Amino acid sequence: ASLVTWTIFIAKMLELTVVQRKVRSALAKIA
């Protein structure tokens, strides 16, 4: 369970960082 927790942490951190950067960049492009 501890291994699953840290796996989710790494995966979700990368995913949220990427999608937030994409949305901010897209909003800036269509401003």
Full PDB file with SEQRES, HELIX, SHEET, SSBOND, CRYST1, ORIGX, SCALE, CONECT and MASTER records, all heavy atoms in Angstrom:
SEQRES   1 A   31  ALA SER LEU VAL THR TRP THR ILE PHE ILE ALA LYS MET          
SEQRES   2 A   31  LEU GLU LEU THR VAL VAL GLN ARG LYS VAL ARG SER ALA          
SEQRES   3 A   31  LEU ALA LYS ILE ALA                                          
HELIX    1 AA1 SER A    2  LYS A   29  1                                  28    
CRYST1    1.000    1.000    1.000  90.00  90.00  90.00 P 1           1          
ORIGX1      1.000000  0.000000  0.000000        0.00000                         
ORIGX2      0.000000  1.000000  0.000000        0.00000                         
ORIGX3      0.000000  0.000000  1.000000        0.00000                         
SCALE1      1.000000  0.000000  0.000000        0.00000                         
SCALE2      0.000000  1.000000  0.000000        0.00000                         
SCALE3      0.000000  0.000000  1.000000        0.00000                         
ATOM      1  N   ALA A   1       0.835  -1.211   0.000  1.00  0.00           N  
ATOM      2  CA  ALA A   1       0.000   0.000   0.000  1.00  0.00           C  
ATOM      3  C   ALA A   1       0.868   1.260   0.000  1.00  0.00           C  
ATOM      4  O   ALA A   1       0.560   2.243  -0.686  1.00  0.00           O  
ATOM      5  CB  ALA A   1      -0.927  -0.006   1.212  1.00  0.00           C  
ATOM      6  N   SER A   2       1.967   1.223   0.764  1.00  0.00           N  
ATOM      7  CA  SER A   2       2.877   2.367   0.761  1.00  0.00           C  
ATOM      8  C   SER A   2       3.520   2.557  -0.615  1.00  0.00           C  
ATOM      9  O   SER A   2       3.660   3.696  -1.095  1.00  0.00           O  
ATOM     10  CB  SER A   2       3.960   2.167   1.822  1.00  0.00           C  
ATOM     11  OG  SER A   2       4.859   3.245   1.843  1.00  0.00           O  
ATOM     12  N   LEU A   3       3.872   1.462  -1.269  1.00  0.00           N  
ATOM     13  CA  LEU A   3       4.431   1.554  -2.623  1.00  0.00           C  
ATOM     14  C   LEU A   3       3.412   2.147  -3.606  1.00  0.00           C  
ATOM     15  O   LEU A   3       3.759   2.989  -4.451  1.00  0.00           O  
ATOM     16  CB  LEU A   3       4.873   0.162  -3.086  1.00  0.00           C  
ATOM     17  CG  LEU A   3       5.459   0.058  -4.498  1.00  0.00           C  
ATOM     18  CD1 LEU A   3       6.731   0.880  -4.620  1.00  0.00           C  
ATOM     19  CD2 LEU A   3       5.729  -1.398  -4.854  1.00  0.00           C  
ATOM     20  N   VAL A   4       2.156   1.727  -3.478  1.00  0.00           N  
ATOM     21  CA  VAL A   4       1.101   2.274  -4.344  1.00  0.00           C  
ATOM     22  C   VAL A   4       0.927   3.772  -4.101  1.00  0.00           C  
ATOM     23  O   VAL A   4       0.743   4.564  -5.034  1.00  0.00           O  
ATOM     24  CB  VAL A   4      -0.220   1.518  -4.098  1.00  0.00           C  
ATOM     25  CG1 VAL A   4      -1.386   2.215  -4.784  1.00  0.00           C  
ATOM     26  CG2 VAL A   4      -0.104   0.082  -4.595  1.00  0.00           C  
ATOM     27  N   THR A   5       1.010   4.177  -2.829  1.00  0.00           N  
ATOM     28  CA  THR A   5       0.864   5.599  -2.495  1.00  0.00           C  
ATOM     29  C   THR A   5       1.927   6.446  -3.178  1.00  0.00           C  
ATOM     30  O   THR A   5       1.621   7.475  -3.802  1.00  0.00           O  
ATOM     31  CB  THR A   5       0.958   5.779  -0.973  1.00  0.00           C  
ATOM     32  OG1 THR A   5      -0.117   5.076  -0.350  1.00  0.00           O  
ATOM     33  CG2 THR A   5       0.895   7.249  -0.588  1.00  0.00           C  
ATOM     34  N   TRP A   6       3.173   6.027  -3.082  1.00  0.00           N  
ATOM     35  CA  TRP A   6       4.251   6.815  -3.686  1.00  0.00           C  
ATOM     36  C   TRP A   6       4.215   6.739  -5.213  1.00  0.00           C  
ATOM     37  O   TRP A   6       4.601   7.698  -5.896  1.00  0.00           O  
ATOM     38  CB  TRP A   6       5.594   6.347  -3.154  1.00  0.00           C  
ATOM     39  CG  TRP A   6       5.781   6.724  -1.721  1.00  0.00           C  
ATOM     40  CD1 TRP A   6       5.750   5.904  -0.635  1.00  0.00           C  
ATOM     41  CD2 TRP A   6       6.011   8.047  -1.218  1.00  0.00           C  
ATOM     42  NE1 TRP A   6       5.940   6.619   0.514  1.00  0.00           N  
ATOM     43  CE2 TRP A   6       6.111   7.941   0.187  1.00  0.00           C  
ATOM     44  CE3 TRP A   6       6.138   9.293  -1.809  1.00  0.00           C  
ATOM     45  CZ2 TRP A   6       6.333   9.044   0.997  1.00  0.00           C  
ATOM     46  CZ3 TRP A   6       6.358  10.396  -1.003  1.00  0.00           C  
ATOM     47  CH2 TRP A   6       6.454  10.272   0.376  1.00  0.00           C  
ATOM     48  N   THR A   7       3.733   5.624  -5.773  1.00  0.00           N  
ATOM     49  CA  THR A   7       3.577   5.540  -7.229  1.00  0.00           C  
ATOM     50  C   THR A   7       2.519   6.529  -7.722  1.00  0.00           C  
ATOM     51  O   THR A   7       2.716   7.241  -8.726  1.00  0.00           O  
ATOM     52  CB  THR A   7       3.191   4.106  -7.633  1.00  0.00           C  
ATOM     53  OG1 THR A   7       4.191   3.195  -7.160  1.00  0.00           O  
ATOM     54  CG2 THR A   7       3.066   3.982  -9.135  1.00  0.00           C  
ATOM     55  N   ILE A   8       1.392   6.581  -7.006  1.00  0.00           N  
ATOM     56  CA  ILE A   8       0.339   7.538  -7.365  1.00  0.00           C  
ATOM     57  C   ILE A   8       0.847   8.965  -7.216  1.00  0.00           C  
ATOM     58  O   ILE A   8       0.549   9.842  -8.042  1.00  0.00           O  
ATOM     59  CB  ILE A   8      -0.914   7.295  -6.500  1.00  0.00           C  
ATOM     60  CG1 ILE A   8      -1.548   5.947  -6.852  1.00  0.00           C  
ATOM     61  CG2 ILE A   8      -1.931   8.418  -6.686  1.00  0.00           C  
ATOM     62  CD1 ILE A   8      -2.699   5.567  -5.956  1.00  0.00           C  
ATOM     63  N   PHE A   9       1.627   9.214  -6.156  1.00  0.00           N  
ATOM     64  CA  PHE A   9       2.150  10.562  -5.940  1.00  0.00           C  
ATOM     65  C   PHE A   9       3.011  11.016  -7.126  1.00  0.00           C  
ATOM     66  O   PHE A   9       2.835  12.121  -7.657  1.00  0.00           O  
ATOM     67  CB  PHE A   9       2.961  10.589  -4.655  1.00  0.00           C  
ATOM     68  CG  PHE A   9       3.722  11.863  -4.441  1.00  0.00           C  
ATOM     69  CD1 PHE A   9       3.077  13.033  -4.101  1.00  0.00           C  
ATOM     70  CD2 PHE A   9       5.112  11.891  -4.594  1.00  0.00           C  
ATOM     71  CE1 PHE A   9       3.769  14.211  -3.918  1.00  0.00           C  
ATOM     72  CE2 PHE A   9       5.818  13.064  -4.410  1.00  0.00           C  
ATOM     73  CZ  PHE A   9       5.139  14.229  -4.065  1.00  0.00           C  
ATOM     74  N   ILE A  10       3.924  10.155  -7.554  1.00  0.00           N  
ATOM     75  CA  ILE A  10       4.814  10.530  -8.667  1.00  0.00           C  
ATOM     76  C   ILE A  10       4.020  10.698  -9.962  1.00  0.00           C  
ATOM     77  O   ILE A  10       4.189  11.686 -10.703  1.00  0.00           O  
ATOM     78  CB  ILE A  10       5.918   9.472  -8.827  1.00  0.00           C  
ATOM     79  CG1 ILE A  10       6.822   9.450  -7.581  1.00  0.00           C  
ATOM     80  CG2 ILE A  10       6.742   9.737 -10.072  1.00  0.00           C  
ATOM     81  CD1 ILE A  10       7.812   8.316  -7.552  1.00  0.00           C  
ATOM     82  N   ALA A  11       3.107   9.737 -10.230  1.00  0.00           N  
ATOM     83  CA  ALA A  11       2.344   9.799 -11.485  1.00  0.00           C  
ATOM     84  C   ALA A  11       1.424  11.017 -11.525  1.00  0.00           C  
ATOM     85  O   ALA A  11       1.366  11.739 -12.532  1.00  0.00           O  
ATOM     86  CB  ALA A  11       1.532   8.516 -11.651  1.00  0.00           C  
ATOM     87  N   LYS A  12       0.719  11.268 -10.417  1.00  0.00           N  
ATOM     88  CA  LYS A  12      -0.213  12.398 -10.403  1.00  0.00           C  
ATOM     89  C   LYS A  12       0.525  13.735 -10.409  1.00  0.00           C  
ATOM     90  O   LYS A  12       0.043  14.705 -11.007  1.00  0.00           O  
ATOM     91  CB  LYS A  12      -1.119  12.324  -9.174  1.00  0.00           C  
ATOM     92  CG  LYS A  12      -2.021  11.120  -9.127  1.00  0.00           C  
ATOM     93  CD  LYS A  12      -2.978  11.055 -10.299  1.00  0.00           C  
ATOM     94  CE  LYS A  12      -4.028  12.128 -10.273  1.00  0.00           C  
ATOM     95  NZ  LYS A  12      -4.999  11.996 -11.365  1.00  0.00           N  
ATOM     96  N   MET A  13       1.658  13.800  -9.760  1.00  0.00           N  
ATOM     97  CA  MET A  13       2.430  15.045  -9.778  1.00  0.00           C  
ATOM     98  C   MET A  13       2.872  15.392 -11.198  1.00  0.00           C  
ATOM     99  O   MET A  13       2.732  16.541 -11.648  1.00  0.00           O  
ATOM    100  CB  MET A  13       3.638  14.914  -8.864  1.00  0.00           C  
ATOM    101  CG  MET A  13       4.459  16.190  -8.756  1.00  0.00           C  
ATOM    102  SD  MET A  13       3.528  17.556  -8.039  1.00  0.00           S  
ATOM    103  CE  MET A  13       3.383  17.001  -6.349  1.00  0.00           C  
ATOM    104  N   LEU A  14       3.365  14.397 -11.929  1.00  0.00           N  
ATOM    105  CA  LEU A  14       3.757  14.636 -13.317  1.00  0.00           C  
ATOM    106  C   LEU A  14       2.545  15.003 -14.184  1.00  0.00           C  
ATOM    107  O   LEU A  14       2.606  15.928 -15.008  1.00  0.00           O  
ATOM    108  CB  LEU A  14       4.456  13.398 -13.875  1.00  0.00           C  
ATOM    109  CG  LEU A  14       5.815  13.034 -13.250  1.00  0.00           C  
ATOM    110  CD1 LEU A  14       6.318  11.719 -13.808  1.00  0.00           C  
ATOM    111  CD2 LEU A  14       6.828  14.147 -13.483  1.00  0.00           C  
ATOM    112  N   GLU A  15       1.451  14.272 -13.984  1.00  0.00           N  
ATOM    113  CA  GLU A  15       0.256  14.531 -14.798  1.00  0.00           C  
ATOM    114  C   GLU A  15      -0.296  15.924 -14.541  1.00  0.00           C  
ATOM    115  O   GLU A  15      -0.597  16.665 -15.501  1.00  0.00           O  
ATOM    116  CB  GLU A  15      -0.807  13.480 -14.474  1.00  0.00           C  
ATOM    117  CG  GLU A  15      -2.084  13.645 -15.277  1.00  0.00           C  
ATOM    118  CD  GLU A  15      -3.151  12.659 -14.848  1.00  0.00           C  
ATOM    119  OE1 GLU A  15      -2.941  11.945 -13.842  1.00  0.00           O  
ATOM    120  OE2 GLU A  15      -4.211  12.615 -15.503  1.00  0.00           O  
ATOM    121  N   LEU A  16      -0.439  16.310 -13.275  1.00  0.00           N  
ATOM    122  CA  LEU A  16      -0.997  17.633 -12.965  1.00  0.00           C  
ATOM    123  C   LEU A  16      -0.080  18.751 -13.439  1.00  0.00           C  
ATOM    124  O   LEU A  16      -0.555  19.790 -13.916  1.00  0.00           O  
ATOM    125  CB  LEU A  16      -1.242  17.744 -11.457  1.00  0.00           C  
ATOM    126  CG  LEU A  16      -2.450  16.973 -10.926  1.00  0.00           C  
ATOM    127  CD1 LEU A  16      -2.425  16.901  -9.416  1.00  0.00           C  
ATOM    128  CD2 LEU A  16      -3.734  17.607 -11.419  1.00  0.00           C  
ATOM    129  N   THR A  17       1.220  18.539 -13.327  1.00  0.00           N  
ATOM    130  CA  THR A  17       2.152  19.567 -13.814  1.00  0.00           C  
ATOM    131  C   THR A  17       2.025  19.765 -15.315  1.00  0.00           C  
ATOM    132  O   THR A  17       1.986  20.896 -15.817  1.00  0.00           O  
ATOM    133  CB  THR A  17       3.592  19.172 -13.449  1.00  0.00           C  
ATOM    134  OG1 THR A  17       3.701  19.001 -12.037  1.00  0.00           O  
ATOM    135  CG2 THR A  17       4.572  20.234 -13.901  1.00  0.00           C  
ATOM    136  N   VAL A  18       1.910  18.661 -16.052  1.00  0.00           N  
ATOM    137  CA  VAL A  18       1.827  18.742 -17.518  1.00  0.00           C  
ATOM    138  C   VAL A  18       0.518  19.388 -17.950  1.00  0.00           C  
ATOM    139  O   VAL A  18       0.494  20.297 -18.804  1.00  0.00           O  
ATOM    140  CB  VAL A  18       1.989  17.342 -18.125  1.00  0.00           C  
ATOM    141  CG1 VAL A  18       1.662  17.358 -19.618  1.00  0.00           C  
ATOM    142  CG2 VAL A  18       3.406  16.836 -17.916  1.00  0.00           C  
ATOM    143  N   VAL A  19      -0.625  18.951 -17.376  1.00  0.00           N  
ATOM    144  CA  VAL A  19      -1.915  19.466 -17.841  1.00  0.00           C  
ATOM    145  C   VAL A  19      -2.091  20.933 -17.448  1.00  0.00           C  
ATOM    146  O   VAL A  19      -2.670  21.730 -18.216  1.00  0.00           O  
ATOM    147  CB  VAL A  19      -3.073  18.604 -17.302  1.00  0.00           C  
ATOM    148  CG1 VAL A  19      -3.015  17.206 -17.887  1.00  0.00           C  
ATOM    149  CG2 VAL A  19      -3.108  18.559 -15.793  1.00  0.00           C  
ATOM    150  N   GLN A  20      -1.602  21.311 -16.278  1.00  0.00           N  
ATOM    151  CA  GLN A  20      -1.698  22.723 -15.900  1.00  0.00           C  
ATOM    152  C   GLN A  20      -0.882  23.599 -16.852  1.00  0.00           C  
ATOM    153  O   GLN A  20      -1.335  24.683 -17.258  1.00  0.00           O  
ATOM    154  CB  GLN A  20      -1.212  22.916 -14.461  1.00  0.00           C  
ATOM    155  CG  GLN A  20      -2.209  22.513 -13.406  1.00  0.00           C  
ATOM    156  CD  GLN A  20      -1.679  22.731 -12.001  1.00  0.00           C  
ATOM    157  OE1 GLN A  20      -0.467  22.756 -11.775  1.00  0.00           O  
ATOM    158  NE2 GLN A  20      -2.570  22.884 -11.044  1.00  0.00           N  
ATOM    159  N   ARG A  21       0.305  23.138 -17.219  1.00  0.00           N  
ATOM    160  CA  ARG A  21       1.129  23.909 -18.155  1.00  0.00           C  
ATOM    161  C   ARG A  21       0.441  24.000 -19.520  1.00  0.00           C  
ATOM    162  O   ARG A  21       0.467  25.062 -20.174  1.00  0.00           O  
ATOM    163  CB  ARG A  21       2.504  23.262 -18.290  1.00  0.00           C  
ATOM    164  CG  ARG A  21       3.468  24.067 -19.151  1.00  0.00           C  
ATOM    165  CD  ARG A  21       4.807  23.403 -19.274  1.00  0.00           C  
ATOM    166  NE  ARG A  21       5.497  23.326 -18.005  1.00  0.00           N  
ATOM    167  CZ  ARG A  21       5.798  22.189 -17.377  1.00  0.00           C  
ATOM    168  NH1 ARG A  21       5.454  21.021 -17.928  1.00  0.00           N  
ATOM    169  NH2 ARG A  21       6.433  22.189 -16.236  1.00  0.00           N  
ATOM    170  N   LYS A  22      -0.186  22.921 -19.964  1.00  0.00           N  
ATOM    171  CA  LYS A  22      -0.872  22.932 -21.250  1.00  0.00           C  
ATOM    172  C   LYS A  22      -2.041  23.917 -21.260  1.00  0.00           C  
ATOM    173  O   LYS A  22      -2.220  24.680 -22.218  1.00  0.00           O  
ATOM    174  CB  LYS A  22      -1.384  21.527 -21.577  1.00  0.00           C  
ATOM    175  CG  LYS A  22      -0.317  20.574 -22.092  1.00  0.00           C  
ATOM    176  CD  LYS A  22      -0.939  19.251 -22.479  1.00  0.00           C  
ATOM    177  CE  LYS A  22       0.108  18.310 -23.060  1.00  0.00           C  
ATOM    178  NZ  LYS A  22      -0.505  17.013 -23.460  1.00  0.00           N  
ATOM    179  N   VAL A  23      -2.847  23.894 -20.201  1.00  0.00           N  
ATOM    180  CA  VAL A  23      -4.018  24.779 -20.169  1.00  0.00           C  
ATOM    181  C   VAL A  23      -3.586  26.240 -20.088  1.00  0.00           C  
ATOM    182  O   VAL A  23      -4.147  27.112 -20.780  1.00  0.00           O  
ATOM    183  CB  VAL A  23      -4.938  24.402 -18.990  1.00  0.00           C  
ATOM    184  CG1 VAL A  23      -6.074  25.405 -18.842  1.00  0.00           C  
ATOM    185  CG2 VAL A  23      -5.507  23.000 -19.185  1.00  0.00           C  
ATOM    186  N   ARG A  24      -2.589  26.531 -19.261  1.00  0.00           N  
ATOM    187  CA  ARG A  24      -2.116  27.923 -19.174  1.00  0.00           C  
ATOM    188  C   ARG A  24      -1.555  28.395 -20.524  1.00  0.00           C  
ATOM    189  O   ARG A  24      -1.800  29.531 -20.962  1.00  0.00           O  
ATOM    190  CB  ARG A  24      -1.051  28.031 -18.088  1.00  0.00           C  
ATOM    191  CG  ARG A  24      -1.590  27.922 -16.674  1.00  0.00           C  
ATOM    192  CD  ARG A  24      -0.557  28.391 -15.668  1.00  0.00           C  
ATOM    193  NE  ARG A  24      -1.061  28.295 -14.304  1.00  0.00           N  
ATOM    194  CZ  ARG A  24      -0.810  27.287 -13.474  1.00  0.00           C  
ATOM    195  NH1 ARG A  24      -0.048  26.270 -13.885  1.00  0.00           N  
ATOM    196  NH2 ARG A  24      -1.307  27.288 -12.261  1.00  0.00           N  
ATOM    197  N   SER A  25      -0.777  27.525 -21.179  1.00  0.00           N  
ATOM    198  CA  SER A  25      -0.219  27.890 -22.478  1.00  0.00           C  
ATOM    199  C   SER A  25      -1.319  28.095 -23.513  1.00  0.00           C  
ATOM    200  O   SER A  25      -1.281  29.041 -24.327  1.00  0.00           O  
ATOM    201  CB  SER A  25       0.748  26.802 -22.943  1.00  0.00           C  
ATOM    202  OG  SER A  25       1.231  27.074 -24.230  1.00  0.00           O  
ATOM    203  N   ALA A  26      -2.360  27.240 -23.491  1.00  0.00           N  
ATOM    204  CA  ALA A  26      -3.454  27.373 -24.448  1.00  0.00           C  
ATOM    205  C   ALA A  26      -4.241  28.652 -24.212  1.00  0.00           C  
ATOM    206  O   ALA A  26      -4.624  29.356 -25.170  1.00  0.00           O  
ATOM    207  CB  ALA A  26      -4.366  26.150 -24.348  1.00  0.00           C  
ATOM    208  N   LEU A  27      -4.502  28.977 -22.957  1.00  0.00           N  
ATOM    209  CA  LEU A  27      -5.221  30.213 -22.654  1.00  0.00           C  
ATOM    210  C   LEU A  27      -4.425  31.442 -23.110  1.00  0.00           C  
ATOM    211  O   LEU A  27      -5.002  32.434 -23.585  1.00  0.00           O  
ATOM    212  CB  LEU A  27      -5.511  30.303 -21.165  1.00  0.00           C  
ATOM    213  CG  LEU A  27      -6.594  29.350 -20.625  1.00  0.00           C  
ATOM    214  CD1 LEU A  27      -6.644  29.399 -19.103  1.00  0.00           C  
ATOM    215  CD2 LEU A  27      -7.955  29.700 -21.219  1.00  0.00           C  
ATOM    216  N   ALA A  28      -3.115  31.377 -22.950  1.00  0.00           N  
ATOM    217  CA  ALA A  28      -2.287  32.500 -23.405  1.00  0.00           C  
ATOM    218  C   ALA A  28      -2.312  32.626 -24.921  1.00  0.00           C  
ATOM    219  O   ALA A  28      -2.294  33.746 -25.478  1.00  0.00           O  
ATOM    220  CB  ALA A  28      -0.853  32.315 -22.912  1.00  0.00           C  
ATOM    221  N   LYS A  29      -2.391  31.505 -25.649  1.00  0.00           N  
ATOM    222  CA  LYS A  29      -2.371  31.544 -27.104  1.00  0.00           C  
ATOM    223  C   LYS A  29      -3.669  32.100 -27.688  1.00  0.00           C  
ATOM    224  O   LYS A  29      -3.656  32.769 -28.722  1.00  0.00           O  
ATOM    225  CB  LYS A  29      -2.121  30.147 -27.672  1.00  0.00           C  
ATOM    226  CG  LYS A  29      -0.689  29.670 -27.487  1.00  0.00           C  
ATOM    227  CD  LYS A  29      -0.512  28.280 -28.030  1.00  0.00           C  
ATOM    228  CE  LYS A  29       0.936  27.819 -27.855  1.00  0.00           C  
ATOM    229  NZ  LYS A  29       1.133  26.428 -28.365  1.00  0.00           N  
ATOM    230  N   ILE A  30      -4.795  31.823 -27.069  1.00  0.00           N  
ATOM    231  CA  ILE A  30      -6.069  32.276 -27.629  1.00  0.00           C  
ATOM    232  C   ILE A  30      -6.545  33.579 -26.985  1.00  0.00           C  
ATOM    233  O   ILE A  30      -7.700  33.973 -27.188  1.00  0.00           O  
ATOM    234  CB  ILE A  30      -7.156  31.193 -27.446  1.00  0.00           C  
ATOM    235  CG1 ILE A  30      -7.516  31.031 -25.964  1.00  0.00           C  
ATOM    236  CG2 ILE A  30      -6.715  29.884 -28.067  1.00  0.00           C  
ATOM    237  CD1 ILE A  30      -8.773  30.244 -25.739  1.00  0.00           C  
ATOM    238  N   ALA A  31      -5.678  34.211 -26.194  1.00  0.00           N  
ATOM    239  CA  ALA A  31      -6.105  35.446 -25.531  1.00  0.00           C  
ATOM    240  C   ALA A  31      -6.502  36.513 -26.532  1.00  0.00           C  
ATOM    241  O   ALA A  31      -7.432  37.308 -26.279  1.00  0.00           O  
ATOM    242  CB  ALA A  31      -4.991  35.955 -24.622  1.00  0.00           C  
TER     243      ALA A  31                                                      
MASTER        0    0    0    1    0    0    0    6  242    1    0    3          
END                                                                             
